[in-house]
Amino acid sequence: MPQHWEEAYRAAVLETDRDKLADRIDLAMAVLRACLREIRCSRERQRIEDAVRTLDLIRRTELTISA
């Protein structure tokens, strides 16, 4: 499971096409939230929570500034 969320997260963070960015973020957020429901390791949970915050920041800055 860790690779799965990391791949979805990486795809969203590295997306350069603004038309695809919102969809990539939505997909990654869904994967991250599903992982948070299942994860027990506190270190991995922290990494996932950090990823969620980063995607929220990207959504707010990249998708609202030029909208």
PDB file of N, CA and C in Angstrom:
ATOM      1  N   MET A   1       0.799  -1.210   0.000  1.00  0.00           N
ATOM      2  CA  MET A   1       0.000   0.000   0.000  1.00  0.00           C
ATOM      3  C   MET A   1       0.845   1.279   0.000  1.00  0.00           C
ATOM      4  N   PRO A   2       1.971   1.353   0.721  1.00  0.00           N
ATOM      5  CA  PRO A   2       2.728   2.602   0.712  1.00  0.00           C
ATOM      6  C   PRO A   2       3.134   3.077  -0.681  1.00  0.00           C
ATOM      7  N   GLN A   3       3.557   2.174  -1.527  1.00  0.00           N
ATOM      8  CA  GLN A   3       3.938   2.589  -2.876  1.00  0.00           C
ATOM      9  C   GLN A   3       2.749   3.167  -3.618  1.00  0.00           C
ATOM     10  N   HIS A   4       1.577   2.614  -3.386  1.00  0.00           N
ATOM     11  CA  HIS A   4       0.389   3.066  -4.100  1.00  0.00           C
ATOM     12  C   HIS A   4       0.098   4.531  -3.780  1.00  0.00           C
ATOM     13  N   TRP A   5       0.087   4.895  -2.498  1.00  0.00           N
ATOM     14  CA  TRP A   5      -0.207   6.288  -2.168  1.00  0.00           C
ATOM     15  C   TRP A   5       0.922   7.202  -2.616  1.00  0.00           C
ATOM     16  N   GLU A   6       2.142   6.728  -2.532  1.00  0.00           N
ATOM     17  CA  GLU A   6       3.271   7.555  -2.949  1.00  0.00           C
ATOM     18  C   GLU A   6       3.228   7.826  -4.452  1.00  0.00           C
ATOM     19  N   GLU A   7       2.820   6.853  -5.231  1.00  0.00           N
ATOM     20  CA  GLU A   7       2.720   7.042  -6.679  1.00  0.00           C
ATOM     21  C   GLU A   7       1.629   8.049  -7.014  1.00  0.00           C
ATOM     22  N   ALA A   8       0.480   7.935  -6.377  1.00  0.00           N
ATOM     23  CA  ALA A   8      -0.620   8.870  -6.624  1.00  0.00           C
ATOM     24  C   ALA A   8      -0.230  10.280  -6.183  1.00  0.00           C
ATOM     25  N   TYR A   9       0.428  10.377  -5.042  1.00  0.00           N
ATOM     26  CA  TYR A   9       0.886  11.666  -4.521  1.00  0.00           C
ATOM     27  C   TYR A   9       1.904  12.291  -5.473  1.00  0.00           C
ATOM     28  N   ARG A  10       2.891  11.511  -5.871  1.00  0.00           N
ATOM     29  CA  ARG A  10       3.933  11.995  -6.777  1.00  0.00           C
ATOM     30  C   ARG A  10       3.335  12.477  -8.101  1.00  0.00           C
ATOM     31  N   ALA A  11       2.378  11.739  -8.637  1.00  0.00           N
ATOM     32  CA  ALA A  11       1.748  12.133  -9.900  1.00  0.00           C
ATOM     33  C   ALA A  11       1.053  13.482  -9.758  1.00  0.00           C
ATOM     34  N   ALA A  12       0.421  13.716  -8.620  1.00  0.00           N
ATOM     35  CA  ALA A  12      -0.270  14.995  -8.395  1.00  0.00           C
ATOM     36  C   ALA A  12       0.737  16.133  -8.219  1.00  0.00           C
ATOM     37  N   VAL A  13       1.747  15.907  -7.424  1.00  0.00           N
ATOM     38  CA  VAL A  13       2.731  16.957  -7.135  1.00  0.00           C
ATOM     39  C   VAL A  13       3.512  17.344  -8.388  1.00  0.00           C
ATOM     40  N   LEU A  14       3.788  16.383  -9.229  1.00  0.00           N
ATOM     41  CA  LEU A  14       4.599  16.646 -10.415  1.00  0.00           C
ATOM     42  C   LEU A  14       3.792  17.023 -11.650  1.00  0.00           C
ATOM     43  N   GLU A  15       2.472  17.035 -11.551  1.00  0.00           N
ATOM     44  CA  GLU A  15       1.631  17.373 -12.707  1.00  0.00           C
ATOM     45  C   GLU A  15       1.860  18.831 -13.111  1.00  0.00           C
ATOM     46  N   THR A  16       2.172  19.053 -14.361  1.00  0.00           N
ATOM     47  CA  THR A  16       2.406  20.410 -14.863  1.00  0.00           C
ATOM     48  C   THR A  16       1.254  20.934 -15.706  1.00  0.00           C
ATOM     49  N   ASP A  17       0.377  20.060 -16.130  1.00  0.00           N
ATOM     50  CA  ASP A  17      -0.774  20.465 -16.936  1.00  0.00           C
ATOM     51  C   ASP A  17      -1.896  20.919 -15.996  1.00  0.00           C
ATOM     52  N   ARG A  18      -2.168  22.214 -15.997  1.00  0.00           N
ATOM     53  CA  ARG A  18      -3.181  22.762 -15.090  1.00  0.00           C
ATOM     54  C   ARG A  18      -4.561  22.148 -15.318  1.00  0.00           C
ATOM     55  N   ASP A  19      -4.848  21.694 -16.526  1.00  0.00           N
ATOM     56  CA  ASP A  19      -6.143  21.073 -16.819  1.00  0.00           C
ATOM     57  C   ASP A  19      -6.274  19.701 -16.153  1.00  0.00           C
ATOM     58  N   LYS A  20      -5.162  19.064 -15.848  1.00  0.00           N
ATOM     59  CA  LYS A  20      -5.168  17.742 -15.233  1.00  0.00           C
ATOM     60  C   LYS A  20      -4.916  17.783 -13.729  1.00  0.00           C
ATOM     61  N   LEU A  21      -4.432  18.898 -13.232  1.00  0.00           N
ATOM     62  CA  LEU A  21      -3.988  18.991 -11.849  1.00  0.00           C
ATOM     63  C   LEU A  21      -5.091  18.683 -10.838  1.00  0.00           C
ATOM     64  N   ALA A  22      -6.263  19.259 -11.008  1.00  0.00           N
ATOM     65  CA  ALA A  22      -7.355  19.039 -10.048  1.00  0.00           C
ATOM     66  C   ALA A  22      -7.722  17.558  -9.971  1.00  0.00           C
ATOM     67  N   ASP A  23      -7.794  16.893 -11.121  1.00  0.00           N
ATOM     68  CA  ASP A  23      -8.123  15.464 -11.125  1.00  0.00           C
ATOM     69  C   ASP A  23      -7.033  14.634 -10.449  1.00  0.00           C
ATOM     70  N   ARG A  24      -5.785  14.977 -10.690  1.00  0.00           N
ATOM     71  CA  ARG A  24      -4.672  14.256 -10.050  1.00  0.00           C
ATOM     72  C   ARG A  24      -4.719  14.435  -8.538  1.00  0.00           C
ATOM     73  N   ILE A  25      -4.995  15.662  -8.094  1.00  0.00           N
ATOM     74  CA  ILE A  25      -5.079  15.925  -6.659  1.00  0.00           C
ATOM     75  C   ILE A  25      -6.252  15.163  -6.059  1.00  0.00           C
ATOM     76  N   ASP A  26      -7.403  15.185  -6.719  1.00  0.00           N
ATOM     77  CA  ASP A  26      -8.580  14.472  -6.205  1.00  0.00           C
ATOM     78  C   ASP A  26      -8.293  12.980  -6.056  1.00  0.00           C
ATOM     79  N   LEU A  27      -7.663  12.396  -7.058  1.00  0.00           N
ATOM     80  CA  LEU A  27      -7.337  10.971  -7.002  1.00  0.00           C
ATOM     81  C   LEU A  27      -6.362  10.684  -5.866  1.00  0.00           C
ATOM     82  N   ALA A  28      -5.319  11.484  -5.766  1.00  0.00           N
ATOM     83  CA  ALA A  28      -4.333  11.278  -4.709  1.00  0.00           C
ATOM     84  C   ALA A  28      -4.959  11.442  -3.328  1.00  0.00           C
ATOM     85  N   MET A  29      -5.823  12.434  -3.165  1.00  0.00           N
ATOM     86  CA  MET A  29      -6.472  12.649  -1.872  1.00  0.00           C
ATOM     87  C   MET A  29      -7.349  11.455  -1.496  1.00  0.00           C
ATOM     88  N   ALA A  30      -8.049  10.894  -2.461  1.00  0.00           N
ATOM     89  CA  ALA A  30      -8.884   9.721  -2.184  1.00  0.00           C
ATOM     90  C   ALA A  30      -8.023   8.547  -1.730  1.00  0.00           C
ATOM     91  N   VAL A  31      -6.903   8.343  -2.401  1.00  0.00           N
ATOM     92  CA  VAL A  31      -5.989   7.260  -2.036  1.00  0.00           C
ATOM     93  C   VAL A  31      -5.409   7.507  -0.642  1.00  0.00           C
ATOM     94  N   LEU A  32      -4.988   8.738  -0.374  1.00  0.00           N
ATOM     95  CA  LEU A  32      -4.413   9.076   0.923  1.00  0.00           C
ATOM     96  C   LEU A  32      -5.423   8.888   2.053  1.00  0.00           C
ATOM     97  N   ARG A  33      -6.645   9.316   1.840  1.00  0.00           N
ATOM     98  CA  ARG A  33      -7.666   9.164   2.883  1.00  0.00           C
ATOM     99  C   ARG A  33      -7.976   7.689   3.152  1.00  0.00           C
ATOM    100  N   ALA A  34      -7.984   6.893   2.099  1.00  0.00           N
ATOM    101  CA  ALA A  34      -8.211   5.457   2.273  1.00  0.00           C
ATOM    102  C   ALA A  34      -7.063   4.843   3.085  1.00  0.00           C
ATOM    103  N   CYS A  35      -5.853   5.268   2.808  1.00  0.00           N
ATOM    104  CA  CYS A  35      -4.697   4.766   3.561  1.00  0.00           C
ATOM    105  C   CYS A  35      -4.778   5.179   5.020  1.00  0.00           C
ATOM    106  N   LEU A  36      -5.192   6.401   5.283  1.00  0.00           N
ATOM    107  CA  LEU A  36      -5.295   6.872   6.669  1.00  0.00           C
ATOM    108  C   LEU A  36      -6.282   6.043   7.476  1.00  0.00           C
ATOM    109  N   ARG A  37      -7.326   5.555   6.819  1.00  0.00           N
ATOM    110  CA  ARG A  37      -8.303   4.718   7.522  1.00  0.00           C
ATOM    111  C   ARG A  37      -7.717   3.365   7.902  1.00  0.00           C
ATOM    112  N   GLU A  38      -6.717   2.905   7.154  1.00  0.00           N
ATOM    113  CA  GLU A  38      -6.168   1.567   7.365  1.00  0.00           C
ATOM    114  C   GLU A  38      -4.821   1.551   8.090  1.00  0.00           C
ATOM    115  N   ILE A  39      -4.099   2.651   8.073  1.00  0.00           N
ATOM    116  CA  ILE A  39      -2.719   2.652   8.571  1.00  0.00           C
ATOM    117  C   ILE A  39      -2.667   2.621  10.099  1.00  0.00           C
ATOM    118  N   ARG A  40      -1.708   1.912  10.619  1.00  0.00           N
ATOM    119  CA  ARG A  40      -1.528   1.828  12.055  1.00  0.00           C
ATOM    120  C   ARG A  40      -0.181   2.411  12.490  1.00  0.00           C
ATOM    121  N   CYS A  41       0.767   2.394  11.626  1.00  0.00           N
ATOM    122  CA  CYS A  41       2.112   2.888  11.927  1.00  0.00           C
ATOM    123  C   CYS A  41       2.089   4.416  12.016  1.00  0.00           C
ATOM    124  N   SER A  42       2.492   4.945  13.174  1.00  0.00           N
ATOM    125  CA  SER A  42       2.402   6.393  13.364  1.00  0.00           C
ATOM    126  C   SER A  42       3.342   7.165  12.437  1.00  0.00           C
ATOM    127  N   ARG A  43       4.492   6.603  12.135  1.00  0.00           N
ATOM    128  CA  ARG A  43       5.424   7.284  11.226  1.00  0.00           C
ATOM    129  C   ARG A  43       4.837   7.377   9.820  1.00  0.00           C
ATOM    130  N   GLU A  44       4.265   6.307   9.337  1.00  0.00           N
ATOM    131  CA  GLU A  44       3.658   6.310   8.003  1.00  0.00           C
ATOM    132  C   GLU A  44       2.430   7.224   7.999  1.00  0.00           C
ATOM    133  N   ARG A  45       1.661   7.211   9.066  1.00  0.00           N
ATOM    134  CA  ARG A  45       0.493   8.091   9.179  1.00  0.00           C
ATOM    135  C   ARG A  45       0.924   9.551   9.064  1.00  0.00           C
ATOM    136  N   GLN A  46       2.019   9.905   9.706  1.00  0.00           N
ATOM    137  CA  GLN A  46       2.523  11.283   9.647  1.00  0.00           C
ATOM    138  C   GLN A  46       2.925  11.651   8.225  1.00  0.00           C
ATOM    139  N   ARG A  47       3.562  10.740   7.536  1.00  0.00           N
ATOM    140  CA  ARG A  47       3.958  10.993   6.133  1.00  0.00           C
ATOM    141  C   ARG A  47       2.738  11.232   5.264  1.00  0.00           C
ATOM    142  N   ILE A  48       1.683  10.444   5.477  1.00  0.00           N
ATOM    143  CA  ILE A  48       0.467  10.586   4.687  1.00  0.00           C
ATOM    144  C   ILE A  48      -0.231  11.905   5.036  1.00  0.00           C
ATOM    145  N   GLU A  49      -0.298  12.243   6.316  1.00  0.00           N
ATOM    146  CA  GLU A  49      -0.913  13.513   6.711  1.00  0.00           C
ATOM    147  C   GLU A  49      -0.139  14.695   6.126  1.00  0.00           C
ATOM    148  N   ASP A  50       1.175  14.608   6.084  1.00  0.00           N
ATOM    149  CA  ASP A  50       1.987  15.653   5.463  1.00  0.00           C
ATOM    150  C   ASP A  50       1.665  15.766   3.971  1.00  0.00           C
ATOM    151  N   ALA A  51       1.491  14.634   3.320  1.00  0.00           N
ATOM    152  CA  ALA A  51       1.153  14.627   1.897  1.00  0.00           C
ATOM    153  C   ALA A  51      -0.205  15.284   1.665  1.00  0.00           C
ATOM    154  N   VAL A  52      -1.168  14.998   2.514  1.00  0.00           N
ATOM    155  CA  VAL A  52      -2.497  15.613   2.395  1.00  0.00           C
ATOM    156  C   VAL A  52      -2.381  17.133   2.516  1.00  0.00           C
ATOM    157  N   ARG A  53      -1.621  17.613   3.490  1.00  0.00           N
ATOM    158  CA  ARG A  53      -1.449  19.058   3.667  1.00  0.00           C
ATOM    159  C   ARG A  53      -0.765  19.685   2.449  1.00  0.00           C
ATOM    160  N   THR A  54       0.209  19.000   1.891  1.00  0.00           N
ATOM    161  CA  THR A  54       0.901  19.519   0.710  1.00  0.00           C
ATOM    162  C   THR A  54      -0.050  19.621  -0.472  1.00  0.00           C
ATOM    163  N   LEU A  55      -0.869  18.600  -0.676  1.00  0.00           N
ATOM    164  CA  LEU A  55      -1.831  18.643  -1.788  1.00  0.00           C
ATOM    165  C   LEU A  55      -2.870  19.738  -1.575  1.00  0.00           C
ATOM    166  N   ASP A  56      -3.302  19.947  -0.346  1.00  0.00           N
ATOM    167  CA  ASP A  56      -4.219  21.052  -0.055  1.00  0.00           C
ATOM    168  C   ASP A  56      -3.583  22.389  -0.414  1.00  0.00           C
ATOM    169  N   LEU A  57      -2.324  22.555  -0.071  1.00  0.00           N
ATOM    170  CA  LEU A  57      -1.613  23.784  -0.382  1.00  0.00           C
ATOM    171  C   LEU A  57      -1.496  23.987  -1.892  1.00  0.00           C
ATOM    172  N   ILE A  58      -1.154  22.933  -2.609  1.00  0.00           N
ATOM    173  CA  ILE A  58      -1.050  23.026  -4.067  1.00  0.00           C
ATOM    174  C   ILE A  58      -2.404  23.399  -4.663  1.00  0.00           C
ATOM    175  N   ARG A  59      -3.463  22.762  -4.190  1.00  0.00           N
ATOM    176  CA  ARG A  59      -4.803  23.061  -4.699  1.00  0.00           C
ATOM    177  C   ARG A  59      -5.133  24.541  -4.478  1.00  0.00           C
ATOM    178  N   ARG A  60      -4.866  25.045  -3.272  1.00  0.00           N
ATOM    179  CA  ARG A  60      -5.198  26.440  -2.958  1.00  0.00           C
ATOM    180  C   ARG A  60      -4.349  27.422  -3.763  1.00  0.00           C
ATOM    181  N   THR A  61      -3.079  27.147  -3.912  1.00  0.00           N
ATOM    182  CA  THR A  61      -2.213  28.112  -4.580  1.00  0.00           C
ATOM    183  C   THR A  61      -2.237  28.005  -6.100  1.00  0.00           C
ATOM    184  N   GLU A  62      -2.195  26.807  -6.614  1.00  0.00           N
ATOM    185  CA  GLU A  62      -2.099  26.638  -8.063  1.00  0.00           C
ATOM    186  C   GLU A  62      -3.445  26.723  -8.785  1.00  0.00           C
ATOM    187  N   LEU A  63      -4.500  26.299  -8.135  1.00  0.00           N
ATOM    188  CA  LEU A  63      -5.786  26.251  -8.832  1.00  0.00           C
ATOM    189  C   LEU A  63      -6.650  27.468  -8.561  1.00  0.00           C
ATOM    190  N   THR A  64      -6.373  28.252  -7.541  1.00  0.00           N
ATOM    191  CA  THR A  64      -7.207  29.415  -7.276  1.00  0.00           C
ATOM    192  C   THR A  64      -6.571  30.721  -7.742  1.00  0.00           C
ATOM    193  N   ILE A  65      -5.255  30.753  -7.854  1.00  0.00           N
ATOM    194  CA  ILE A  65      -4.585  31.982  -8.281  1.00  0.00           C
ATOM    195  C   ILE A  65      -4.938  32.348  -9.716  1.00  0.00           C
ATOM    196  N   SER A  66      -4.949  31.366 -10.599  1.00  0.00           N
ATOM    197  CA  SER A  66      -5.190  31.674 -12.020  1.00  0.00           C
ATOM    198  C   SER A  66      -6.635  31.458 -12.433  1.00  0.00           C
ATOM    199  N   ALA A  67      -7.468  31.022 -11.506  1.00  0.00           N
ATOM    200  CA  ALA A  67      -8.870  30.751 -11.867  1.00  0.00           C
ATOM    201  C   ALA A  67      -9.652  32.030 -12.050  1.00  0.00           C
TER     202      ALA A  67
END
